[in-house]
Amino acid sequence: MDAVEALRLVNRIYTRLNARRPAIEKSEEYADGKQPLSFATEEWRKANAARYDGFSDNWCGPVITAEAERLSHTGIKMLGDNGTEAARILWEQWLLNEMEMQSSQGFVTSLTTGRSFVSVWGDKNDQPQVTWEHPSNVEIEYDWENPRLRKAALKTWLDETTEYATLYTADALWKFERPRERSKDDRESQAQQGRVKASADDGWIPREVSGETWPLNNPIGDVPVVEIPNRPRLGGDPLSEIAGVIPMQDFINLLWAYLALSADYASMPARVVLHQGPPKMPILDSNGQKIGEKAIEIKDLAEKRLLYLSGEDTAIDSWAAADLKVFTDAIEIGVGHIASQTRTPPTYLISKTGMSNVNGEGLKASEIGLVKKTMEFQRGVAPALREVYRLIALALGDQALARQARLSTISWASAEIRSDAQLADALVKLKSIGFPLEYLMELYGLGPVEIERILAMREQELLDPQLAAATRELTHLGNAPFGG
């Protein structure tokens, strides 16, 4: 690949990246509760929309966090005689790069926007640098015939004056730059100032870094960026968890606005003036003299709750107060639809729909959909995480470790939330039919470091006669019948 072809590839990938930025921004704003009022008629909007600007009844956030709080990557298991040591090396790099924190943020972003990315590179000391990337900044070019193969990746970012782009291929890194298109607002957070928004697709020039060749050689020998998708589909793009929630969210917000407006009118006294026409506003000249009259706007009378009836035989009757329950019932149904569509337990959304007089087992059963959805996510991203570990091994310069990583098993904490008593009871039953202690500790949700520490403590107990005796006594007491 020469410089001309590299620039052409940058422009093509950047065009795709640029096109999806508005959808990413919208998904994140809805997840944060920044939701504009939609579906209202133009007349209603002109009269009332400004009053409810900034209000939202945010259900997008709970849909995302309900799944995200059940996603916890706890370790990696490797095959082979040196599998334990190999897993320890890779897990150590995971911890050194603060990937517990980064993965938590990355999973939330994948659930919100449909995808996120992980990049792997080596620092000046040849130690892996692993960074979870925002989908507004990164895009991958896949092979047209086999979409599992990465051909190139583009990463972009901003500083105070410049926008940067790095094109990763298996052989080289091509670095480009151009002037920042939008000036930053110093009042915003640094994260907001650094957010790349939709902009022009071209204007890139080579960026030369002192002490580096251009292009820079890629010692990893592979495209070092991996996509972490949510709900990927054959022949389609990953999906945001709230893509289908957003229209219902807009509808619920509109109903709340209608309800608030109805309550506003119902709480203020209305007045009726009989046998008299609406008052008129005087028209004054420059000297303050009355030169005419004009009728008061109907909307002004309505806002002041005034009704004028001018006929001689005019009579008035009573009318029922607005039934606000109509709105709350419709909102309840809308929230129930969100629960059903997203497989989020109704109890997470404070919905009574289908949850009347339900016992503990019923509440547990209501979470099955969320548990299965979480497990689907884990299966979907496991190959991507294996690829991240393989790239970490390549950054370490260990080809054998990289081959082992391709056949590794990604461990997760249980997606099902159980009480300590329920979990302990399940583990004791598994132990009674022969499951090994180390496997039971994995089911308990412990990571490899904790498991290794506990096994060492267990071995120390067995070697110390006093500790062994105390352990046997505690075990006897725990198994003894009540009062024994």
Protein backbone atom coordinates (compact mmCIF):
# COMPACT_ATOMS: atom_id res chain seq x y z
CA MET A 1 0.00 0.00 0.00
CA ASP A 2 1.34 3.43 -0.93
CA ALA A 3 0.48 6.86 0.53
CA VAL A 4 -2.17 7.60 -2.10
CA GLU A 5 -3.99 4.33 -1.43
CA ALA A 6 -3.71 4.84 2.34
CA LEU A 7 -5.27 8.31 2.08
CA ARG A 8 -8.04 6.95 -0.11
CA LEU A 9 -8.76 4.27 2.50
CA VAL A 10 -8.78 6.87 5.30
CA ASN A 11 -11.35 8.96 3.45
CA ARG A 12 -13.57 5.94 2.72
CA ILE A 13 -13.54 4.64 6.29
CA TYR A 14 -13.97 8.13 7.75
CA THR A 15 -17.05 8.71 5.58
CA ARG A 16 -18.71 5.65 7.14
CA LEU A 17 -17.64 6.67 10.62
CA ASN A 18 -18.91 10.18 10.07
CA ALA A 19 -22.31 8.97 8.87
CA ARG A 20 -23.08 7.02 12.04
CA ARG A 21 -22.03 9.70 14.54
CA PRO A 22 -25.48 11.39 14.73
CA ALA A 23 -27.15 8.05 15.62
CA ILE A 24 -24.50 7.38 18.29
CA GLU A 25 -24.99 10.84 19.78
CA LYS A 26 -28.78 10.42 19.81
CA SER A 27 -28.58 7.02 21.57
CA GLU A 28 -26.27 8.39 24.25
CA GLU A 29 -28.44 11.46 24.81
CA TYR A 30 -31.53 9.30 25.24
CA ALA A 31 -29.65 7.05 27.67
CA ASP A 32 -28.73 10.18 29.66
CA GLY A 33 -32.33 11.45 29.65
CA LYS A 34 -31.74 14.27 27.14
CA GLN A 35 -34.87 13.61 25.12
CA PRO A 36 -36.66 16.20 22.98
CA LEU A 37 -40.44 16.29 23.02
CA SER A 38 -41.76 14.49 19.93
CA PHE A 39 -45.07 13.53 18.29
CA ALA A 40 -46.91 16.68 19.47
CA THR A 41 -49.03 18.60 16.94
CA GLU A 42 -47.61 21.85 15.65
CA GLU A 43 -50.37 23.88 17.35
CA TRP A 44 -49.81 22.23 20.72
CA ARG A 45 -46.04 22.56 20.36
CA LYS A 46 -46.23 26.30 19.70
CA ALA A 47 -48.46 26.84 22.71
CA ASN A 48 -46.93 24.48 25.28
CA ALA A 49 -43.69 22.75 24.25
CA ALA A 50 -41.36 25.36 25.75
CA ARG A 51 -42.92 24.76 29.17
CA TYR A 52 -41.75 21.12 29.19
CA ASP A 53 -38.38 21.65 27.57
CA GLY A 54 -35.78 19.53 29.38
CA PHE A 55 -38.32 17.16 30.99
CA SER A 56 -38.06 13.42 30.35
CA ASP A 57 -39.24 10.27 32.08
CA ASN A 58 -36.11 8.30 31.25
CA TRP A 59 -36.70 4.56 30.72
CA CYS A 60 -33.77 4.12 28.30
CA GLY A 61 -31.25 4.32 31.14
CA PRO A 62 -32.72 1.45 33.23
CA VAL A 63 -32.95 -0.82 30.17
CA ILE A 64 -29.19 -0.42 29.64
CA THR A 65 -28.07 -0.59 33.27
CA ALA A 66 -30.26 -3.63 34.03
CA GLU A 67 -28.13 -5.67 31.62
CA ALA A 68 -24.82 -3.88 32.19
CA GLU A 69 -24.85 -4.57 35.93
CA ARG A 70 -24.88 -8.32 35.16
CA LEU A 71 -21.83 -8.16 32.89
CA SER A 72 -18.58 -8.82 34.71
CA HIS A 73 -15.65 -10.49 32.94
CA THR A 74 -13.78 -12.42 35.64
CA GLY A 75 -10.90 -14.11 33.84
CA ILE A 76 -9.56 -16.35 31.12
CA LYS A 77 -8.88 -20.09 31.10
CA MET A 78 -6.22 -21.59 28.84
CA LEU A 79 -5.54 -25.12 27.59
CA GLY A 80 -2.21 -26.95 27.84
CA ASP A 81 0.21 -27.94 30.58
CA ASN A 82 1.15 -24.30 31.12
CA GLY A 83 -2.44 -23.09 30.82
CA THR A 84 -2.61 -21.65 34.34
CA GLU A 85 0.61 -19.67 33.92
CA ALA A 86 -0.38 -18.48 30.44
CA ALA A 87 -3.75 -17.28 31.74
CA ARG A 88 -2.02 -15.51 34.63
CA ILE A 89 0.25 -13.58 32.21
CA LEU A 90 -2.66 -12.33 30.10
CA TRP A 91 -4.85 -11.54 33.11
CA GLU A 92 -1.99 -9.56 34.62
CA GLN A 93 -1.91 -7.39 31.49
CA TRP A 94 -5.70 -6.99 31.74
CA LEU A 95 -5.30 -5.64 35.28
CA LEU A 96 -2.29 -3.46 34.46
CA ASN A 97 -4.37 -1.71 31.80
CA GLU A 98 -7.26 -1.12 34.23
CA MET A 99 -9.54 -3.17 32.01
CA GLU A 100 -11.98 -3.90 34.82
CA MET A 101 -12.93 -0.23 34.72
CA GLN A 102 -12.54 0.10 30.95
CA SER A 103 -14.64 -2.99 30.20
CA SER A 104 -17.44 -1.76 32.45
CA GLN A 105 -17.59 1.50 30.51
CA GLY A 106 -17.14 -0.28 27.19
CA PHE A 107 -19.99 -2.74 27.77
CA VAL A 108 -22.33 0.13 28.66
CA THR A 109 -21.32 1.94 25.46
CA SER A 110 -21.86 -1.20 23.34
CA LEU A 111 -25.32 -1.68 24.84
CA THR A 112 -26.16 1.99 24.28
CA THR A 113 -24.81 2.57 20.77
CA GLY A 114 -24.53 -0.96 19.37
CA ARG A 115 -20.74 -1.24 19.44
CA SER A 116 -17.45 -0.16 20.95
CA PHE A 117 -13.84 -1.02 20.13
CA VAL A 118 -10.63 -2.14 21.83
CA SER A 119 -7.19 -1.17 20.52
CA VAL A 120 -3.90 -2.83 21.51
CA TRP A 121 -0.45 -1.37 21.01
CA GLY A 122 2.94 -1.47 22.68
CA ASP A 123 4.51 1.39 24.62
CA LYS A 124 8.17 2.41 24.43
CA ASN A 125 9.02 -0.42 26.84
CA ASP A 126 7.20 -2.98 24.64
CA GLN A 127 4.44 -3.37 27.21
CA PRO A 128 0.87 -3.73 25.86
CA GLN A 129 -1.29 -0.62 26.00
CA VAL A 130 -4.96 -1.61 25.81
CA THR A 131 -7.61 1.08 25.33
CA TRP A 132 -11.38 0.74 25.07
CA GLU A 133 -12.46 3.11 22.29
CA HIS A 134 -15.64 5.10 21.70
CA PRO A 135 -17.56 4.20 18.50
CA SER A 136 -17.55 7.85 17.37
CA ASN A 137 -13.77 7.65 17.07
CA VAL A 138 -13.10 4.23 15.53
CA GLU A 139 -14.21 2.19 12.52
CA ILE A 140 -12.98 -1.09 11.02
CA GLU A 141 -12.71 -2.06 7.36
CA TYR A 142 -13.62 -5.75 7.01
CA ASP A 143 -12.93 -8.14 4.16
CA TRP A 144 -15.84 -8.07 1.70
CA GLU A 145 -15.82 -11.84 1.21
CA ASN A 146 -15.22 -12.85 4.83
CA PRO A 147 -16.49 -10.19 7.28
CA ARG A 148 -14.67 -11.92 10.15
CA LEU A 149 -11.34 -10.69 8.79
CA ARG A 150 -10.14 -7.17 9.60
CA LYS A 151 -8.35 -5.47 6.72
CA ALA A 152 -7.78 -2.06 8.33
CA ALA A 153 -8.98 0.19 11.15
CA LEU A 154 -9.18 3.96 11.59
CA LYS A 155 -8.89 5.79 14.91
CA THR A 156 -9.55 9.54 15.23
CA TRP A 157 -9.24 12.00 18.09
CA LEU A 158 -9.01 15.71 18.85
CA ASP A 159 -6.83 18.05 20.82
CA GLU A 160 -7.26 21.81 21.21
CA THR A 161 -6.40 22.69 17.61
CA THR A 162 -6.07 19.52 15.55
CA GLU A 163 -7.97 16.39 14.52
CA TYR A 164 -5.82 13.28 14.16
CA ALA A 165 -6.38 10.02 12.28
CA THR A 166 -4.35 6.82 12.44
CA LEU A 167 -4.90 4.11 9.85
CA TYR A 168 -3.94 0.65 11.13
CA THR A 169 -3.12 -2.13 8.70
CA ALA A 170 -1.41 -5.45 9.36
CA ASP A 171 1.89 -4.01 8.10
CA ALA A 172 1.97 -0.34 9.03
CA LEU A 173 0.45 2.67 10.77
CA TRP A 174 -0.33 5.68 8.60
CA LYS A 175 -0.74 8.88 10.63
CA PHE A 176 -2.65 11.91 9.34
CA GLU A 177 -3.90 15.22 10.70
CA ARG A 178 -5.94 18.29 9.80
CA PRO A 179 -7.07 21.49 11.56
CA ARG A 180 -9.86 21.01 14.04
CA GLU A 181 -13.11 21.90 12.28
CA ARG A 182 -15.08 23.09 15.30
CA SER A 183 -13.59 25.26 18.00
CA LYS A 184 -13.78 23.86 21.49
CA ASP A 185 -15.86 25.32 24.30
CA ASP A 186 -13.65 25.73 27.38
CA ARG A 187 -16.74 25.52 29.61
CA GLU A 188 -17.38 21.91 28.60
CA SER A 189 -15.69 18.91 30.19
CA GLN A 190 -12.53 17.66 28.53
CA ALA A 191 -14.43 14.56 27.42
CA GLN A 192 -16.99 16.74 25.62
CA GLN A 193 -14.31 18.97 24.11
CA GLY A 194 -12.58 15.87 22.75
CA ARG A 195 -15.74 14.33 21.23
CA VAL A 196 -15.46 14.14 17.44
CA LYS A 197 -18.77 15.14 15.85
CA ALA A 198 -19.90 14.83 12.22
CA SER A 199 -17.60 16.90 10.02
CA ALA A 200 -15.98 17.02 6.56
CA ASP A 201 -14.55 13.78 5.19
CA ASP A 202 -11.31 15.02 3.64
CA GLY A 203 -8.45 17.48 4.11
CA TRP A 204 -6.01 15.03 5.72
CA ILE A 205 -2.25 15.52 5.42
CA PRO A 206 0.54 13.21 6.64
CA ARG A 207 1.55 13.64 10.28
CA GLU A 208 5.22 13.04 10.90
CA VAL A 209 6.37 12.32 14.46
CA SER A 210 9.95 12.98 15.50
CA GLY A 211 11.93 9.75 15.72
CA GLU A 212 9.35 7.73 13.74
CA THR A 213 9.28 6.59 10.15
CA TRP A 214 6.24 7.35 7.99
CA PRO A 215 4.47 5.01 7.77
CA LEU A 216 5.37 3.35 11.06
CA ASN A 217 6.03 -0.38 10.99
CA ASN A 218 3.43 -2.56 12.77
CA PRO A 219 5.34 -5.15 14.83
CA ILE A 220 2.13 -6.90 15.93
CA GLY A 221 1.56 -8.08 12.34
CA ASP A 222 -2.24 -7.74 12.52
CA VAL A 223 -4.85 -4.98 12.65
CA PRO A 224 -4.72 -4.20 16.40
CA VAL A 225 -8.33 -3.02 16.79
CA VAL A 226 -11.28 -5.27 17.71
CA GLU A 227 -15.00 -4.49 17.61
CA ILE A 228 -17.16 -5.31 20.65
CA PRO A 229 -20.68 -5.58 19.17
CA ASN A 230 -24.09 -5.78 20.80
CA ARG A 231 -26.56 -8.18 19.19
CA PRO A 232 -24.65 -8.61 15.90
CA ARG A 233 -26.61 -10.09 12.99
CA LEU A 234 -25.60 -11.87 9.81
CA GLY A 235 -25.44 -9.32 7.02
CA GLY A 236 -26.43 -6.49 9.36
CA ASP A 237 -25.08 -4.01 11.87
CA PRO A 238 -25.04 -4.45 15.67
CA LEU A 239 -28.09 -3.05 17.45
CA SER A 240 -28.46 -0.63 20.31
CA GLU A 241 -30.50 -1.98 23.21
CA ILE A 242 -32.64 1.16 23.11
CA ALA A 243 -33.16 1.42 19.34
CA GLY A 244 -36.72 0.15 19.77
CA VAL A 245 -37.26 1.93 23.09
CA ILE A 246 -36.73 5.47 21.77
CA PRO A 247 -40.14 5.82 19.95
CA MET A 248 -42.02 4.54 23.02
CA GLN A 249 -39.90 6.81 25.22
CA ASP A 250 -40.99 9.79 23.09
CA PHE A 251 -44.63 8.71 23.37
CA ILE A 252 -44.43 8.40 27.18
CA ASN A 253 -42.82 11.83 27.49
CA LEU A 254 -45.60 13.34 25.39
CA LEU A 255 -48.27 11.72 27.56
CA TRP A 256 -46.61 13.15 30.68
CA ALA A 257 -46.66 16.60 29.06
CA TYR A 258 -50.36 16.20 28.21
CA LEU A 259 -51.08 15.05 31.76
CA ALA A 260 -49.17 17.95 33.31
CA LEU A 261 -50.99 20.43 31.10
CA SER A 262 -54.38 18.91 31.96
CA ALA A 263 -53.51 19.00 35.66
CA ASP A 264 -52.46 22.62 35.27
CA TYR A 265 -55.82 23.59 33.82
CA ALA A 266 -57.74 21.43 36.29
CA SER A 267 -56.01 23.07 39.26
CA MET A 268 -56.81 26.67 38.24
CA PRO A 269 -60.28 28.23 38.54
CA ALA A 270 -62.12 28.91 35.27
CA ARG A 271 -64.47 31.88 34.86
CA VAL A 272 -67.51 32.39 32.65
CA VAL A 273 -68.85 35.89 31.80
CA LEU A 274 -72.52 35.89 30.68
CA HIS A 275 -74.33 38.31 28.34
CA GLN A 276 -71.20 40.16 27.39
CA GLY A 277 -68.73 39.83 24.56
CA PRO A 278 -65.00 39.43 25.03
CA PRO A 279 -63.21 42.61 26.13
CA LYS A 280 -61.24 44.56 23.54
CA MET A 281 -57.82 46.07 23.77
CA PRO A 282 -57.56 49.82 23.08
CA ILE A 283 -55.30 50.97 20.28
CA LEU A 284 -53.31 54.08 21.24
CA ASP A 285 -51.52 56.59 19.07
CA SER A 286 -48.07 58.03 19.74
CA ASN A 287 -49.63 60.54 22.15
CA GLY A 288 -51.41 57.88 24.16
CA GLN A 289 -54.84 58.75 22.77
CA LYS A 290 -57.31 55.98 22.00
CA ILE A 291 -57.89 55.69 18.29
CA GLY A 292 -59.51 52.27 18.06
CA GLU A 293 -59.96 48.81 19.53
CA LYS A 294 -58.86 45.27 18.70
CA ALA A 295 -60.18 41.91 19.84
CA ILE A 296 -58.18 39.92 22.39
CA GLU A 297 -56.53 36.78 21.01
CA ILE A 298 -58.44 33.57 21.69
CA LYS A 299 -55.28 31.91 23.03
CA ASP A 300 -54.91 34.71 25.62
CA LEU A 301 -58.46 34.07 26.86
CA ALA A 302 -57.80 30.33 27.00
CA GLU A 303 -54.58 30.76 28.97
CA LYS A 304 -56.44 32.94 31.50
CA ARG A 305 -59.31 30.42 31.75
CA LEU A 306 -61.91 32.97 30.59
CA LEU A 307 -65.05 32.18 28.58
CA TYR A 308 -67.41 34.92 27.30
CA LEU A 309 -71.00 34.11 26.29
CA SER A 310 -72.79 37.12 24.79
CA GLY A 311 -76.26 35.85 23.74
CA GLU A 312 -79.34 36.95 25.74
CA ASP A 313 -80.59 33.40 26.10
CA THR A 314 -77.17 32.02 26.93
CA ALA A 315 -77.02 29.36 29.63
CA ILE A 316 -74.13 27.35 30.99
CA ASP A 317 -73.88 23.78 32.16
CA SER A 318 -71.29 21.83 34.09
CA TRP A 319 -68.61 19.61 32.59
CA ALA A 320 -66.64 16.85 34.19
CA ALA A 321 -63.08 17.41 35.33
CA ALA A 322 -60.39 15.89 33.11
CA ASP A 323 -59.75 12.21 33.89
CA LEU A 324 -55.98 12.15 34.39
CA LYS A 325 -56.05 8.38 34.91
CA VAL A 326 -56.41 7.98 31.16
CA PHE A 327 -52.85 9.29 30.78
CA THR A 328 -51.32 7.30 33.64
CA ASP A 329 -52.92 4.08 32.38
CA ALA A 330 -51.50 4.67 28.90
CA ILE A 331 -48.06 5.41 30.38
CA GLU A 332 -48.25 2.18 32.40
CA ILE A 333 -49.02 0.24 29.22
CA GLY A 334 -46.13 1.95 27.43
CA VAL A 335 -43.68 1.02 30.18
CA GLY A 336 -44.98 -2.55 30.04
CA HIS A 337 -44.29 -2.64 26.30
CA ILE A 338 -40.72 -1.47 26.95
CA ALA A 339 -40.28 -4.25 29.51
CA SER A 340 -41.55 -6.86 27.06
CA GLN A 341 -39.59 -5.65 24.03
CA THR A 342 -36.29 -5.40 25.91
CA ARG A 343 -36.77 -8.44 28.17
CA THR A 344 -36.30 -6.18 31.18
CA PRO A 345 -38.16 -7.43 34.30
CA PRO A 346 -41.21 -5.23 34.98
CA THR A 347 -40.01 -4.78 38.55
CA TYR A 348 -36.95 -2.91 37.21
CA LEU A 349 -39.28 -0.44 35.51
CA ILE A 350 -41.77 -0.20 38.39
CA SER A 351 -44.49 -1.64 36.19
CA LYS A 352 -47.46 -3.44 37.71
CA THR A 353 -48.40 -5.02 34.36
CA GLY A 354 -48.56 -8.78 34.83
CA MET A 355 -46.95 -8.58 38.26
CA SER A 356 -49.93 -8.59 40.63
CA ASN A 357 -49.79 -11.02 43.57
CA VAL A 358 -46.56 -12.63 42.37
CA ASN A 359 -44.45 -14.60 44.86
CA GLY A 360 -40.67 -14.79 45.07
CA GLU A 361 -40.43 -17.61 42.53
CA GLY A 362 -42.54 -15.61 40.10
CA LEU A 363 -40.30 -12.58 40.49
CA LYS A 364 -37.31 -14.84 39.86
CA ALA A 365 -38.93 -16.23 36.73
CA SER A 366 -39.57 -12.71 35.46
CA GLU A 367 -35.79 -12.22 35.23
CA ILE A 368 -35.19 -15.19 32.92
CA GLY A 369 -35.43 -13.05 29.79
CA LEU A 370 -32.83 -10.59 31.09
CA VAL A 371 -30.52 -13.42 32.16
CA LYS A 372 -30.74 -15.06 28.73
CA LYS A 373 -30.18 -11.72 26.99
CA THR A 374 -27.08 -11.14 29.11
CA MET A 375 -25.78 -14.59 28.26
CA GLU A 376 -26.36 -13.87 24.55
CA PHE A 377 -24.20 -10.77 24.90
CA GLN A 378 -21.48 -12.78 26.62
CA ARG A 379 -21.47 -15.36 23.81
CA GLY A 380 -21.43 -12.63 21.19
CA VAL A 381 -18.42 -10.78 22.58
CA ALA A 382 -16.40 -13.81 23.78
CA PRO A 383 -14.61 -14.21 20.39
CA ALA A 384 -13.79 -10.50 20.38
CA LEU A 385 -12.29 -10.71 23.89
CA ARG A 386 -10.28 -13.76 22.87
CA GLU A 387 -8.92 -11.71 19.98
CA VAL A 388 -8.02 -8.89 22.38
CA TYR A 389 -6.03 -11.36 24.49
CA ARG A 390 -4.33 -12.68 21.33
CA LEU A 391 -3.29 -9.14 20.37
CA ILE A 392 -1.96 -8.59 23.90
CA ALA A 393 0.18 -11.72 23.49
CA LEU A 394 1.42 -10.45 20.11
CA ALA A 395 2.27 -7.10 21.69
CA LEU A 396 4.34 -9.07 24.21
CA GLY A 397 6.08 -10.77 21.29
CA ASP A 398 4.88 -14.24 22.34
CA GLN A 399 3.52 -16.13 19.31
CA ALA A 400 2.90 -19.33 21.27
CA LEU A 401 0.84 -17.47 23.87
CA ALA A 402 -1.12 -15.82 21.06
CA ARG A 403 -2.01 -19.24 19.61
CA GLN A 404 -3.14 -20.44 23.04
CA ALA A 405 -5.32 -17.35 23.47
CA ARG A 406 -7.34 -18.26 20.37
CA LEU A 407 -8.59 -21.42 22.15
CA SER A 408 -9.12 -19.83 25.56
CA THR A 409 -12.38 -19.69 27.48
CA ILE A 410 -13.73 -16.34 28.60
CA SER A 411 -15.09 -16.42 32.17
CA TRP A 412 -17.97 -14.29 33.44
CA ALA A 413 -19.64 -13.77 36.76
CA SER A 414 -23.07 -15.38 36.81
CA ALA A 415 -25.71 -13.37 34.96
CA GLU A 416 -28.25 -14.56 37.50
CA ILE A 417 -28.49 -12.65 40.76
CA ARG A 418 -29.05 -14.96 43.71
CA SER A 419 -28.90 -14.49 47.44
CA ASP A 420 -25.86 -15.77 49.32
CA ALA A 421 -27.99 -18.54 50.83
CA GLN A 422 -29.29 -19.68 47.42
CA LEU A 423 -25.82 -19.61 45.87
CA ALA A 424 -24.21 -21.46 48.81
CA ASP A 425 -26.91 -24.13 48.68
CA ALA A 426 -26.34 -24.65 44.93
CA LEU A 427 -22.56 -24.89 45.38
CA VAL A 428 -22.87 -27.41 48.24
CA LYS A 429 -25.10 -29.62 46.08
CA LEU A 430 -22.64 -29.44 43.18
CA LYS A 431 -19.79 -30.28 45.55
CA SER A 432 -21.71 -33.33 46.79
CA ILE A 433 -21.81 -34.81 43.28
CA GLY A 434 -18.10 -34.31 42.72
CA PHE A 435 -17.50 -30.83 41.25
CA PRO A 436 -13.97 -29.63 42.10
CA LEU A 437 -13.41 -26.71 44.46
CA GLU A 438 -11.72 -24.49 41.87
CA TYR A 439 -14.69 -24.80 39.50
CA LEU A 440 -17.10 -23.97 42.32
CA MET A 441 -15.11 -20.83 43.09
CA GLU A 442 -15.47 -19.79 39.44
CA LEU A 443 -19.23 -20.26 39.72
CA TYR A 444 -19.12 -18.14 42.86
CA GLY A 445 -17.78 -15.32 40.68
CA LEU A 446 -14.15 -15.19 41.78
CA GLY A 447 -11.43 -14.15 39.36
CA PRO A 448 -8.20 -16.08 38.76
CA VAL A 449 -6.17 -13.98 41.20
CA GLU A 450 -8.64 -14.54 44.04
CA ILE A 451 -8.94 -18.25 43.22
CA GLU A 452 -5.18 -18.67 43.33
CA ARG A 453 -5.01 -16.83 46.66
CA ILE A 454 -7.80 -18.91 48.20
CA LEU A 455 -6.28 -22.19 47.01
CA ALA A 456 -2.97 -21.18 48.59
CA MET A 457 -4.77 -20.37 51.84
CA ARG A 458 -6.58 -23.70 51.65
CA GLU A 459 -3.30 -25.56 51.19
CA GLN A 460 -1.82 -23.69 54.16
CA GLU A 461 -4.80 -24.75 56.28
CA LEU A 462 -4.28 -28.41 55.39
CA LEU A 463 -0.58 -28.20 56.31
CA ASP A 464 -1.24 -26.55 59.69
CA PRO A 465 -2.65 -29.09 62.21
CA GLN A 466 -4.34 -26.44 64.34
CA LEU A 467 -6.04 -24.76 61.36
CA ALA A 468 -7.07 -28.15 59.99
CA ALA A 469 -8.64 -29.09 63.32
CA ALA A 470 -10.48 -25.77 63.53
CA THR A 471 -11.76 -26.22 59.98
CA ARG A 472 -13.04 -29.74 60.76
CA GLU A 473 -14.82 -28.42 63.85
CA LEU A 474 -16.48 -25.61 61.90
CA THR A 475 -17.53 -28.06 59.21
CA HIS A 476 -19.00 -30.38 61.86
CA LEU A 477 -20.95 -27.52 63.43
CA GLY A 478 -22.23 -26.42 60.05
CA ASN A 479 -23.49 -29.92 59.23
CA ALA A 480 -24.96 -30.63 62.67
CA PRO A 481 -28.78 -30.56 63.04
CA PHE A 482 -30.34 -27.64 64.88
CA GLY A 483 -29.73 -27.99 68.60
CA GLY A 484 -27.19 -30.81 68.08
